[in-house]
């Protein structure tokens, strides 16, 4: 296990984990303590040798992908587990939105998968504000990396933004409303069948020049945070993908979720599948 500085180190203030809070470091059955000499905004990298954790039933679009020669890896740092963040008023607002969107997700996955639900999703998304991490508050950090040998960074970036339903479908996630491509400023719900069913709202920002995809959560997401995907040339005709994730709890439901299930492990599994499916798209047939 090694330690690397996170890209977020220069953006977020120092965010040491609260005393006594353990980090979910591999192997997952053991939780080593952090050393005080390590910088607060760094991530601990582990080579994912274990099998992916078992996950709940999901939409059957594409079988979830594990690491298949793409060098998928991740590391964690900051404050784990994420705690509900913000004022009581803000947490109550986020909790109310989450409940409303959970009800809509339950209706969507059981009764209505058509255009009428997409129309409802568009209307709801228009009322939601961005909910990035609150500056200065304890923040969980994760870096995910993978490689695409023989694929240019431009081609990798374009494949990512042009195939969101295929990529997220690999993790059992549907998009509401349906989206054949990611566009700058797009607003979407990431729909999970559960249990419990979830509508996790996001907004997308694209930087085609720098080959960066930036995702920010919206009101009512179980977590408040950001994900930034950077597609860089590896110097050998391939691409190195690095994904920087920063998140906090959005409401008291975060603590309930931590007690009842393992949403952080599920998050790792989602991104493992997305990275793996992108790699699969470029494999020779």
Protein backbone atom coordinates (compact mmCIF):
# COMPACT_ATOMS: atom_id res chain seq x y z
CA UNK A 1 0.00 0.00 0.00
CA UNK A 2 1.37 3.43 -0.90
CA UNK A 3 0.20 6.98 -0.42
CA UNK A 4 -0.23 9.60 -3.11
CA UNK A 5 -1.30 13.22 -2.98
CA UNK A 6 -4.84 13.84 -4.17
CA UNK A 7 -5.63 16.42 -6.83
CA UNK A 8 -8.14 17.75 -4.30
CA UNK A 9 -5.36 18.59 -1.87
CA UNK A 10 -4.89 21.98 -3.47
CA UNK A 11 -8.61 22.68 -3.63
CA UNK A 12 -10.02 21.61 -0.28
CA UNK A 13 -8.64 22.71 3.10
CA UNK A 14 -6.87 20.14 5.24
CA UNK A 15 -9.50 17.59 6.21
CA UNK A 16 -8.11 15.26 8.85
CA UNK A 17 -10.27 12.32 9.77
CA UNK A 18 -11.97 12.82 13.12
CA UNK A 19 -10.17 11.12 15.98
CA UNK A 20 -11.31 7.55 16.35
CA UNK A 21 -12.83 7.31 12.87
CA UNK A 22 -11.51 4.35 10.91
CA UNK A 23 -10.91 4.22 7.19
CA UNK A 24 -12.27 1.32 5.09
CA UNK A 25 -8.89 0.21 3.82
CA UNK A 26 -8.09 -3.10 2.17
CA UNK A 27 -8.13 -5.86 3.10
CA UNK A 28 -11.74 -5.13 3.95
CA UNK A 29 -11.73 -7.45 6.94
CA UNK A 30 -8.97 -5.37 8.57
CA UNK A 31 -8.91 -1.63 9.26
CA UNK A 32 -5.37 -0.33 9.85
CA UNK A 33 -4.94 3.05 11.53
CA UNK A 34 -3.65 6.08 9.67
CA UNK A 35 -0.27 7.53 10.56
CA UNK A 36 -0.16 11.05 11.90
CA UNK A 37 2.71 11.93 9.56
CA UNK A 38 0.57 11.54 6.44
CA UNK A 39 -0.95 14.66 4.88
CA UNK A 40 -4.67 14.96 5.61
CA UNK A 41 -5.67 15.33 1.98
CA UNK A 42 -3.97 12.26 0.61
CA UNK A 43 -5.26 8.89 -0.45
CA UNK A 44 -4.06 5.43 0.44
CA UNK A 45 -3.76 3.27 -2.62
CA UNK A 46 -4.39 -0.42 -2.64
CA UNK A 47 -4.09 -2.96 -5.41
CA UNK A 48 -7.52 -4.53 -5.64
CA UNK A 49 -6.69 -8.22 -5.31
CA UNK A 50 -9.94 -9.20 -3.64
CA UNK A 51 -13.11 -10.19 -5.46
CA UNK A 52 -15.76 -7.46 -5.84
CA UNK A 53 -18.27 -7.40 -3.02
CA UNK A 54 -21.67 -8.97 -3.56
CA UNK A 55 -24.21 -6.32 -4.59
CA UNK A 56 -28.02 -6.20 -4.62
CA UNK A 57 -30.16 -7.05 -7.64
CA UNK A 58 -29.96 -4.44 -10.38
CA UNK A 59 -31.26 -3.57 -13.79
CA UNK A 60 -30.18 -6.26 -16.27
CA UNK A 61 -28.73 -3.99 -18.98
CA UNK A 62 -25.17 -5.34 -18.89
CA UNK A 63 -23.36 -7.67 -16.51
CA UNK A 64 -21.23 -5.63 -14.05
CA UNK A 65 -17.54 -5.53 -14.96
CA UNK A 66 -14.69 -6.24 -12.59
CA UNK A 67 -11.07 -5.42 -13.39
CA UNK A 68 -10.29 -6.95 -16.80
CA UNK A 69 -6.81 -5.83 -17.64
CA UNK A 70 -7.54 -2.13 -17.21
CA UNK A 71 -5.45 -1.78 -14.04
CA UNK A 72 -8.41 -0.50 -12.05
CA UNK A 73 -7.27 0.74 -8.67
CA UNK A 74 -8.51 3.09 -5.97
CA UNK A 75 -7.47 4.72 -2.75
CA UNK A 76 -9.26 6.55 0.04
CA UNK A 77 -8.43 9.41 2.36
CA UNK A 78 -9.99 12.26 4.27
CA UNK A 79 -12.83 11.66 6.69
CA UNK A 80 -14.46 8.22 6.66
CA UNK A 81 -17.21 7.30 7.10
CA UNK A 82 -18.92 10.41 5.66
CA UNK A 83 -21.12 12.19 8.20
CA UNK A 84 -24.22 14.34 7.58
CA UNK A 85 -22.94 17.85 6.88
CA UNK A 86 -24.52 21.28 6.99
CA UNK A 87 -27.01 23.09 9.18
CA UNK A 88 -30.07 21.34 10.59
CA UNK A 89 -32.20 23.27 8.12
CA UNK A 90 -30.01 22.15 5.21
CA UNK A 91 -30.05 18.52 6.33
CA UNK A 92 -33.83 18.56 6.71
CA UNK A 93 -34.12 20.00 3.21
CA UNK A 94 -31.88 17.29 1.77
CA UNK A 95 -33.70 14.56 3.69
CA UNK A 96 -37.09 15.73 2.42
CA UNK A 97 -35.83 15.78 -1.16
CA UNK A 98 -34.30 12.34 -0.73
CA UNK A 99 -37.60 10.91 0.54
CA UNK A 100 -39.51 12.47 -2.35
CA UNK A 101 -37.07 11.11 -4.90
CA UNK A 102 -37.02 7.67 -3.29
CA UNK A 103 -40.78 7.49 -3.73
CA UNK A 104 -40.44 8.49 -7.38
CA UNK A 105 -37.70 5.87 -7.85
CA UNK A 106 -39.93 3.18 -6.37
CA UNK A 107 -42.72 4.13 -8.77
CA UNK A 108 -40.29 4.21 -11.70
CA UNK A 109 -38.72 0.79 -11.12
CA UNK A 110 -42.01 -0.99 -10.41
CA UNK A 111 -44.68 0.69 -12.54
CA UNK A 112 -43.49 3.16 -15.16
CA UNK A 113 -40.33 2.93 -17.24
CA UNK A 114 -41.57 5.05 -20.15
CA UNK A 115 -41.66 8.59 -21.48
CA UNK A 116 -44.05 9.87 -18.81
CA UNK A 117 -41.51 9.11 -16.07
CA UNK A 118 -38.78 10.80 -18.09
CA UNK A 119 -40.97 13.89 -18.36
CA UNK A 120 -41.55 13.87 -14.60
CA UNK A 121 -37.80 13.49 -14.00
CA UNK A 122 -37.00 16.50 -16.21
CA UNK A 123 -39.49 18.63 -14.30
CA UNK A 124 -38.11 17.58 -10.92
CA UNK A 125 -34.49 18.10 -11.95
CA UNK A 126 -35.27 21.68 -12.90
CA UNK A 127 -36.07 22.49 -9.26
CA UNK A 128 -32.86 21.11 -7.75
CA UNK A 129 -29.76 23.08 -6.79
CA UNK A 130 -26.18 21.76 -6.85
CA UNK A 131 -24.99 20.25 -3.56
CA UNK A 132 -21.19 20.04 -3.68
CA UNK A 133 -19.15 19.38 -0.53
CA UNK A 134 -19.38 22.16 2.05
CA UNK A 135 -15.99 23.87 2.23
CA UNK A 136 -14.12 23.32 5.48
CA UNK A 137 -16.23 20.37 6.61
CA UNK A 138 -14.80 16.81 6.91
CA UNK A 139 -14.81 15.29 3.43
CA UNK A 140 -14.22 11.75 2.21
CA UNK A 141 -11.81 11.52 -0.73
CA UNK A 142 -11.37 8.67 -3.20
CA UNK A 143 -9.13 8.43 -6.27
CA UNK A 144 -9.99 5.83 -8.91
CA UNK A 145 -7.61 5.02 -11.75
CA UNK A 146 -7.61 2.77 -14.80
CA UNK A 147 -5.84 2.54 -18.14
CA UNK A 148 -6.81 2.06 -21.78
CA UNK A 149 -3.75 0.76 -23.67
CA UNK A 150 -3.64 1.75 -27.34
CA UNK A 151 -6.56 4.18 -27.04
CA UNK A 152 -6.00 7.93 -27.34
CA UNK A 153 -7.22 10.20 -24.58
CA UNK A 154 -9.46 11.98 -27.08
CA UNK A 155 -11.11 8.72 -28.15
CA UNK A 156 -11.52 7.62 -24.54
CA UNK A 157 -13.13 10.91 -23.54
CA UNK A 158 -15.51 10.83 -26.50
CA UNK A 159 -16.48 7.21 -25.81
CA UNK A 160 -17.24 8.10 -22.18
CA UNK A 161 -19.52 11.03 -22.99
CA UNK A 162 -21.17 9.23 -25.94
CA UNK A 163 -22.20 6.04 -24.10
CA UNK A 164 -23.51 6.91 -20.63
CA UNK A 165 -26.35 4.39 -20.66
CA UNK A 166 -24.01 1.54 -21.60
CA UNK A 167 -21.38 2.56 -19.03
CA UNK A 168 -23.74 3.14 -16.11
CA UNK A 169 -25.81 0.15 -17.19
CA UNK A 170 -22.77 -2.01 -16.46
CA UNK A 171 -23.29 -1.07 -12.80
CA UNK A 172 -27.03 -1.73 -12.95
CA UNK A 173 -27.90 1.98 -13.14
CA UNK A 174 -30.46 3.51 -15.49
CA UNK A 175 -30.61 7.18 -16.49
CA UNK A 176 -33.70 9.34 -15.98
CA UNK A 177 -34.44 10.90 -18.35
CA UNK A 178 -32.85 8.59 -20.90
CA UNK A 179 -29.66 10.08 -22.37
CA UNK A 180 -27.82 8.83 -25.45
CA UNK A 181 -24.90 11.14 -24.61
CA UNK A 182 -23.66 13.40 -21.84
CA UNK A 183 -23.96 17.08 -22.70
CA UNK A 184 -22.59 20.15 -20.97
CA UNK A 185 -25.07 21.23 -18.30
CA UNK A 186 -27.11 18.01 -18.47
CA UNK A 187 -29.18 17.06 -15.41
CA UNK A 188 -29.94 13.41 -14.76
CA UNK A 189 -31.17 11.01 -12.13
CA UNK A 190 -29.05 7.88 -11.67
CA UNK A 191 -31.69 5.25 -10.98
CA UNK A 192 -30.96 2.14 -8.91
CA UNK A 193 -33.50 -0.60 -8.42
CA UNK A 194 -32.35 -1.23 -4.87
CA UNK A 195 -33.58 -2.17 -2.41
CA UNK A 196 -34.11 0.58 -1.60
CA UNK A 197 -34.75 2.17 -5.00
CA UNK A 198 -32.78 5.40 -5.46
CA UNK A 199 -32.93 8.43 -7.71
CA UNK A 200 -29.55 10.15 -7.28
CA UNK A 201 -29.59 13.51 -9.11
CA UNK A 202 -26.47 14.92 -10.78
CA UNK A 203 -25.44 17.67 -13.15
CA UNK A 204 -22.66 17.34 -15.72
CA UNK A 205 -20.00 19.82 -16.84
CA UNK A 206 -17.81 18.99 -19.84
CA UNK A 207 -14.42 20.46 -20.76
CA UNK A 208 -13.66 19.03 -24.19
CA UNK A 209 -10.36 20.90 -24.51
CA UNK A 210 -8.93 19.43 -21.31
CA UNK A 211 -10.87 16.14 -21.66
CA UNK A 212 -12.52 16.48 -18.25
CA UNK A 213 -15.98 15.35 -17.15
CA UNK A 214 -17.13 16.96 -13.91
CA UNK A 215 -20.20 15.64 -12.06
CA UNK A 216 -21.81 17.44 -9.13
CA UNK A 217 -24.66 16.07 -7.02
CA UNK A 218 -27.98 17.93 -6.77
CA UNK A 219 -30.43 18.35 -3.90
CA UNK A 220 -31.72 15.05 -2.55
CA UNK A 221 -28.72 12.94 -3.50
CA UNK A 222 -27.81 10.52 -0.67
CA UNK A 223 -24.34 12.10 -0.70
CA UNK A 224 -23.29 15.64 -1.47
CA UNK A 225 -20.18 15.71 -3.59
CA UNK A 226 -18.30 15.80 -6.86
CA UNK A 227 -16.66 13.36 -9.26
CA UNK A 228 -14.10 14.58 -11.77
CA UNK A 229 -12.89 12.30 -14.58
CA UNK A 230 -9.62 13.28 -16.27
CA UNK A 231 -8.50 11.54 -19.48
CA UNK A 232 -4.73 11.92 -20.02
CA UNK A 233 -2.32 10.53 -22.62
CA UNK A 234 -0.02 8.00 -20.96
CA UNK A 235 2.90 8.76 -23.29
CA UNK A 236 2.68 5.34 -24.95
CA UNK A 237 -0.32 5.77 -27.20
CA UNK A 238 -2.82 4.92 -24.46
CA UNK A 239 -4.94 6.69 -21.86
CA UNK A 240 -4.76 6.99 -18.11
CA UNK A 241 -8.12 7.74 -16.52
CA UNK A 242 -8.13 9.32 -13.11
CA UNK A 243 -11.33 10.00 -11.22
CA UNK A 244 -11.29 12.29 -8.19
CA UNK A 245 -14.23 11.87 -5.82
CA UNK A 246 -15.07 14.09 -2.83
CA UNK A 247 -18.23 13.60 -0.79
CA UNK A 248 -20.03 14.17 2.50
CA UNK A 249 -23.29 12.95 3.99
CA UNK A 250 -26.28 15.01 2.87
CA UNK A 251 -28.81 14.24 5.63
CA UNK A 252 -29.39 11.97 8.65
CA UNK A 253 -30.36 9.29 6.12
CA UNK A 254 -26.64 8.94 5.39
CA UNK A 255 -26.00 7.60 8.88
CA UNK A 256 -29.00 5.27 8.62
CA UNK A 257 -27.69 3.96 5.30
CA UNK A 258 -24.26 3.36 6.78
CA UNK A 259 -25.82 1.30 9.57
CA UNK A 260 -28.07 -0.79 7.31
CA UNK A 261 -25.87 -1.36 4.25
CA UNK A 262 -22.47 -0.53 2.77
CA UNK A 263 -23.04 2.39 0.38
CA UNK A 264 -19.33 3.14 0.16
CA UNK A 265 -18.58 -0.38 -1.06
CA UNK A 266 -21.45 0.02 -3.52
CA UNK A 267 -19.90 3.26 -4.74
CA UNK A 268 -16.58 1.50 -5.35
CA UNK A 269 -18.42 -1.24 -7.24
CA UNK A 270 -20.24 1.28 -9.45
CA UNK A 271 -17.03 2.96 -10.56
CA UNK A 272 -15.21 -0.38 -10.94
CA UNK A 273 -17.98 -1.40 -13.35
CA UNK A 274 -18.00 1.88 -15.28
CA UNK A 275 -14.22 1.86 -15.76
CA UNK A 276 -14.35 -1.83 -16.68
CA UNK A 277 -17.09 -1.36 -19.26
CA UNK A 278 -15.21 1.50 -20.94
CA UNK A 279 -12.19 -0.80 -21.22
CA UNK A 280 -14.42 -3.57 -22.60
CA UNK A 281 -15.66 -1.28 -25.39
CA UNK A 282 -12.16 -1.02 -26.81
CA UNK A 283 -11.11 -4.67 -26.48
CA UNK A 284 -10.37 -6.42 -29.80
CA UNK A 285 -13.15 -8.78 -30.87
